[in-house]
Amino acid sequence: MVLLAAGAGAADLGALQRLLEQGRCEGCRLQDADLVHAQLRGARLRGAQLQRANLGRAVLTGADLRGADLREAVLQGADLAGADLRGSRLEGVDLRGADLRGAQLDDGALDRSHWEGAQGVSGRAGSWADLHNAGVAESQRGRWPEAEARFDEAISRQPQAAISWLARGLSRGEQGRTRESAQDLAEAGRLYRAAGEVDLAGQLEQASRRLLETRRPAGGNGWGSALLGGAAGLVQQLAPYALKLVGRGLF
């Protein structure tokens, strides 16, 4: 159910009514509007002012949102499949769990938004820091395959980011893929050594060697008791280095 509500001096109630009845309101003033669960499939909202609007779970499939101002809007769980968001302002927008499959977005449009769990978000959509931090969020939920995918995208954006190699190695190890984990740890060690982090590099190289020497039963999950020589413990001691939030441009 959609509530025709607006903050004082914010959204134009006439514009809200027009949008809901006609499916179009280009350039309208809709700041702070409550449009939860609104059925706006194909809506024409080009240039609309939607700052802080609540569009949680709204259906905006194929909507025209070109040039719309969505700063700090809530679109959590919204269906934006095929929507046109080119030129829109998305700073601080909440797109967690949204469906963005086939949506048209400018490169870097989601750099300052929240899109954890969103569908259809390519590696180009977020900055390296955003992608790494999304991986950290997934790992904190114990969703290791999803975490690995985010770290993989982060590495594709910033191949010299040692912390993302370390984090991907940890997420692969948690899935029982010790050889791949060892390879990632070795690369992280190489990058840290090049950056002058000699002690950390040594720990990673040691962990990588131990993992490669480990004979592990097929089909296992996680590090398990099969990891000999303290490899599992050593890698897990490095987890705080890997699974931390990072700032822009820092690794």
Protein backbone atom coordinates (compact mmCIF):
# COMPACT_ATOMS: atom_id res chain seq x y z
CA MET A 1 0.00 0.00 0.00
CA VAL A 2 1.37 3.41 -0.98
CA LEU A 3 0.89 6.29 1.40
CA LEU A 4 0.53 9.78 -0.04
CA ALA A 5 2.77 11.37 2.52
CA ALA A 6 5.43 14.00 2.38
CA GLY A 7 7.61 15.95 4.72
CA ALA A 8 6.78 19.57 5.39
CA GLY A 9 7.59 21.71 2.36
CA ALA A 10 8.98 18.71 0.51
CA ALA A 11 7.11 16.59 -2.03
CA ASP A 12 4.24 18.08 -4.03
CA LEU A 13 1.15 15.98 -3.22
CA GLY A 14 -0.34 16.84 -6.58
CA ALA A 15 2.78 15.51 -8.26
CA LEU A 16 2.56 12.32 -6.20
CA GLN A 17 -1.06 11.81 -7.25
CA ARG A 18 -0.18 12.40 -10.89
CA LEU A 19 2.70 9.94 -10.73
CA LEU A 20 0.56 7.19 -9.23
CA GLU A 21 -2.36 7.75 -11.62
CA GLN A 22 -0.50 8.47 -14.86
CA GLY A 23 2.91 6.84 -14.29
CA ARG A 24 4.77 9.97 -15.26
CA CYS A 25 6.05 13.02 -13.44
CA GLU A 26 9.11 14.36 -15.19
CA GLY A 27 11.00 16.99 -13.22
CA CYS A 28 8.55 16.74 -10.33
CA ARG A 29 9.37 17.69 -6.77
CA LEU A 30 9.09 14.40 -4.87
CA GLN A 31 11.62 14.85 -2.06
CA ASP A 32 10.87 12.76 1.04
CA ALA A 33 7.90 11.09 -0.65
CA ASP A 34 6.67 7.78 0.77
CA LEU A 35 6.38 5.41 -2.17
CA VAL A 36 7.01 2.09 -0.47
CA HIS A 37 5.80 -0.82 -2.67
CA ALA A 38 4.67 1.65 -5.36
CA GLN A 39 3.83 0.08 -8.73
CA LEU A 40 5.79 2.32 -11.09
CA ARG A 41 6.70 -0.05 -13.91
CA GLY A 42 7.89 2.02 -16.89
CA ALA A 43 7.34 5.28 -15.02
CA ARG A 44 8.70 8.43 -16.62
CA LEU A 45 10.60 10.24 -13.91
CA ARG A 46 13.31 11.97 -15.91
CA GLY A 47 14.85 14.79 -13.87
CA ALA A 48 12.59 14.14 -10.87
CA GLN A 49 13.67 15.40 -7.46
CA LEU A 50 13.57 12.27 -5.31
CA GLN A 51 16.05 13.10 -2.57
CA ARG A 52 15.42 11.01 0.56
CA ALA A 53 12.27 9.48 -0.97
CA ASN A 54 11.33 6.03 0.32
CA LEU A 55 10.94 3.69 -2.65
CA GLY A 56 11.65 0.51 -0.74
CA ARG A 57 10.31 -2.58 -2.59
CA ALA A 58 8.89 -0.35 -5.31
CA VAL A 59 8.48 -1.79 -8.82
CA LEU A 60 10.40 0.48 -11.19
CA THR A 61 11.07 -2.03 -13.96
CA GLY A 62 12.05 -0.16 -17.13
CA ALA A 63 11.52 3.23 -15.50
CA ASP A 64 13.09 6.34 -17.04
CA LEU A 65 15.08 7.94 -14.21
CA ARG A 66 17.60 9.79 -16.37
CA GLY A 67 18.96 12.81 -14.55
CA ALA A 68 16.85 12.13 -11.46
CA ASP A 69 18.20 13.24 -8.09
CA LEU A 70 18.07 10.18 -5.83
CA ARG A 71 20.55 11.28 -3.20
CA GLU A 72 19.95 9.46 0.09
CA ALA A 73 16.78 7.85 -1.28
CA VAL A 74 15.78 4.37 -0.07
CA LEU A 75 15.45 1.81 -2.87
CA GLN A 76 16.14 -1.23 -0.73
CA GLY A 77 14.73 -4.32 -2.43
CA ALA A 78 13.32 -2.26 -5.31
CA ASP A 79 12.89 -3.76 -8.78
CA LEU A 80 14.96 -1.56 -11.13
CA ALA A 81 15.53 -4.18 -13.82
CA GLY A 82 16.03 -2.43 -17.15
CA ALA A 83 15.66 1.04 -15.61
CA ASP A 84 17.56 3.94 -17.18
CA LEU A 85 19.59 5.69 -14.47
CA ARG A 86 22.06 7.49 -16.69
CA GLY A 87 22.94 10.92 -15.38
CA SER A 88 21.12 10.33 -12.10
CA ARG A 89 22.61 11.33 -8.75
CA LEU A 90 22.99 8.33 -6.48
CA GLU A 91 25.16 9.54 -3.61
CA GLY A 92 24.10 7.82 -0.41
CA VAL A 93 21.21 5.94 -2.04
CA ASP A 94 20.26 2.63 -0.40
CA LEU A 95 20.13 -0.05 -3.12
CA ARG A 96 20.72 -3.03 -0.88
CA GLY A 97 19.00 -6.10 -2.25
CA ALA A 98 17.69 -4.20 -5.28
CA ASP A 99 17.36 -5.79 -8.71
CA LEU A 100 19.56 -3.84 -11.14
CA ARG A 101 19.77 -6.45 -13.86
CA GLY A 102 19.87 -4.72 -17.22
CA ALA A 103 19.75 -1.26 -15.65
CA GLN A 104 21.69 1.47 -17.44
CA LEU A 105 24.19 3.19 -15.13
CA ASP A 106 27.05 5.60 -15.67
CA ASP A 107 30.49 4.20 -14.87
CA GLY A 108 31.21 4.74 -11.18
CA ALA A 109 27.62 5.82 -10.50
CA LEU A 110 27.44 3.61 -7.41
CA ASP A 111 30.77 4.66 -5.93
CA ARG A 112 29.08 6.44 -3.01
CA SER A 113 25.97 4.32 -2.63
CA HIS A 114 25.03 1.22 -0.63
CA TRP A 115 24.35 -1.76 -2.90
CA GLU A 116 25.28 -4.87 -0.89
CA GLY A 117 23.31 -7.86 -2.13
CA ALA A 118 22.01 -6.04 -5.20
CA GLN A 119 21.53 -8.16 -8.31
CA GLY A 120 23.13 -7.20 -11.60
CA VAL A 121 25.83 -4.94 -10.19
CA SER A 122 28.92 -5.38 -12.34
CA GLY A 123 32.49 -4.86 -11.19
CA ARG A 124 32.50 -1.52 -13.02
CA ALA A 125 29.70 -0.12 -10.89
CA GLY A 126 31.62 0.44 -7.69
CA SER A 127 35.07 1.66 -6.77
CA TRP A 128 37.76 -0.73 -5.59
CA ALA A 129 37.10 0.30 -1.98
CA ASP A 130 33.35 -0.25 -2.35
CA LEU A 131 33.90 -3.71 -3.80
CA HIS A 132 36.39 -4.74 -1.13
CA ASN A 133 34.11 -3.47 1.62
CA ALA A 134 31.16 -5.32 0.08
CA GLY A 135 33.27 -8.48 0.30
CA VAL A 136 34.00 -7.79 3.95
CA ALA A 137 30.26 -7.39 4.61
CA GLU A 138 29.53 -10.72 2.93
CA SER A 139 32.27 -12.47 4.92
CA GLN A 140 30.84 -11.14 8.16
CA ARG A 141 27.60 -12.92 7.25
CA GLY A 142 29.53 -16.12 6.55
CA ARG A 143 28.64 -15.91 2.84
CA TRP A 144 32.06 -16.94 1.57
CA PRO A 145 31.26 -17.56 -2.13
CA GLU A 146 29.65 -14.12 -2.34
CA ALA A 147 32.60 -12.59 -0.49
CA GLU A 148 35.00 -14.22 -2.92
CA ALA A 149 33.07 -12.77 -5.87
CA ARG A 150 33.28 -9.25 -4.45
CA PHE A 151 37.02 -9.58 -3.70
CA ASP A 152 37.53 -10.92 -7.21
CA GLU A 153 35.85 -7.81 -8.62
CA ALA A 154 37.94 -5.60 -6.33
CA ILE A 155 41.13 -7.22 -7.64
CA SER A 156 39.98 -6.62 -11.21
CA ARG A 157 39.66 -2.92 -10.37
CA GLN A 158 42.91 -2.64 -8.42
CA PRO A 159 45.31 -5.54 -9.07
CA GLN A 160 47.95 -4.03 -6.76
CA ALA A 161 45.65 -4.09 -3.73
CA ALA A 162 47.40 -6.68 -1.56
CA ILE A 163 44.62 -6.63 1.02
CA SER A 164 42.08 -7.86 -1.55
CA TRP A 165 44.34 -10.75 -2.57
CA LEU A 166 44.68 -11.64 1.10
CA ALA A 167 40.93 -11.41 1.63
CA ARG A 168 40.15 -13.55 -1.41
CA GLY A 169 42.67 -16.11 -0.20
CA LEU A 170 40.92 -16.27 3.15
CA SER A 171 37.48 -16.62 1.56
CA ARG A 172 38.73 -19.43 -0.69
CA GLY A 173 40.30 -21.21 2.24
CA GLU A 174 37.02 -21.04 4.14
CA GLN A 175 35.50 -22.93 1.22
CA GLY A 176 38.16 -25.65 1.44
CA ARG A 177 40.04 -24.56 -1.68
CA THR A 178 43.48 -24.54 -0.10
CA ARG A 179 45.59 -24.53 -3.27
CA GLU A 180 43.84 -21.46 -4.66
CA SER A 181 44.02 -19.87 -1.23
CA ALA A 182 47.77 -20.51 -1.12
CA GLN A 183 48.24 -18.86 -4.51
CA ASP A 184 46.35 -15.76 -3.38
CA LEU A 185 48.34 -15.54 -0.15
CA ALA A 186 51.58 -15.81 -2.09
CA GLU A 187 50.55 -12.95 -4.37
CA ALA A 188 49.48 -10.86 -1.39
CA GLY A 189 52.87 -11.55 0.20
CA ARG A 190 54.67 -10.43 -2.95
CA LEU A 191 52.72 -7.18 -3.05
CA TYR A 192 53.20 -6.46 0.65
CA ARG A 193 56.94 -7.14 0.33
CA ALA A 194 57.13 -4.68 -2.59
CA ALA A 195 55.39 -2.12 -0.38
CA GLY A 196 57.93 -2.63 2.44
CA GLU A 197 55.66 -4.69 4.72
CA VAL A 198 58.35 -7.32 5.21
CA ASP A 199 57.00 -8.99 8.37
CA LEU A 200 53.50 -9.39 7.01
CA ALA A 201 54.88 -10.60 3.68
CA GLY A 202 56.89 -13.26 5.52
CA GLN A 203 53.82 -14.50 7.38
CA LEU A 204 51.85 -14.77 4.15
CA GLU A 205 54.62 -16.59 2.34
CA GLN A 206 54.94 -19.04 5.22
CA ALA A 207 51.18 -19.65 5.27
CA SER A 208 51.17 -20.17 1.51
CA ARG A 209 53.94 -22.77 1.70
CA ARG A 210 52.21 -24.66 4.50
CA LEU A 211 48.94 -24.77 2.60
CA LEU A 212 50.64 -26.10 -0.52
CA GLU A 213 52.29 -28.84 1.57
CA THR A 214 48.98 -29.86 3.12
CA ARG A 215 47.27 -33.00 1.91
CA ARG A 216 43.58 -32.46 2.23
CA PRO A 217 40.70 -34.91 1.74
CA ALA A 218 38.53 -34.12 -1.25
CA GLY A 219 35.15 -32.49 -0.72
CA GLY A 220 35.98 -30.91 2.63
CA ASN A 221 34.69 -27.53 3.76
CA GLY A 222 36.70 -24.87 5.48
CA TRP A 223 40.20 -25.25 6.80
CA GLY A 224 39.44 -28.35 8.87
CA SER A 225 41.70 -30.44 11.02
CA ALA A 226 43.46 -31.81 7.92
CA LEU A 227 45.55 -28.64 7.65
CA LEU A 228 48.85 -29.63 9.19
CA GLY A 229 51.68 -27.60 10.63
CA GLY A 230 49.46 -24.82 11.95
CA ALA A 231 48.60 -23.46 8.49
CA ALA A 232 44.95 -22.88 9.36
CA GLY A 233 45.78 -21.05 12.55
CA LEU A 234 48.39 -18.90 10.83
CA VAL A 235 46.01 -17.90 8.05
CA GLN A 236 43.20 -17.13 10.46
CA GLN A 237 45.53 -14.94 12.49
CA LEU A 238 45.88 -12.86 9.33
CA ALA A 239 42.12 -12.44 8.98
CA PRO A 240 42.05 -9.01 10.70
CA TYR A 241 44.43 -7.73 8.02
CA ALA A 242 42.18 -9.03 5.25
CA LEU A 243 38.65 -8.51 6.54
CA LYS A 244 38.70 -4.85 7.37
CA LEU A 245 36.97 -1.91 5.76
CA VAL A 246 39.20 0.27 3.66
CA GLY A 247 39.11 3.90 2.62
CA ARG A 248 39.24 5.16 -0.92
CA GLY A 249 42.58 4.79 -2.61
CA LEU A 250 44.20 3.03 0.35
CA PHE A 251 45.46 -0.55 0.33
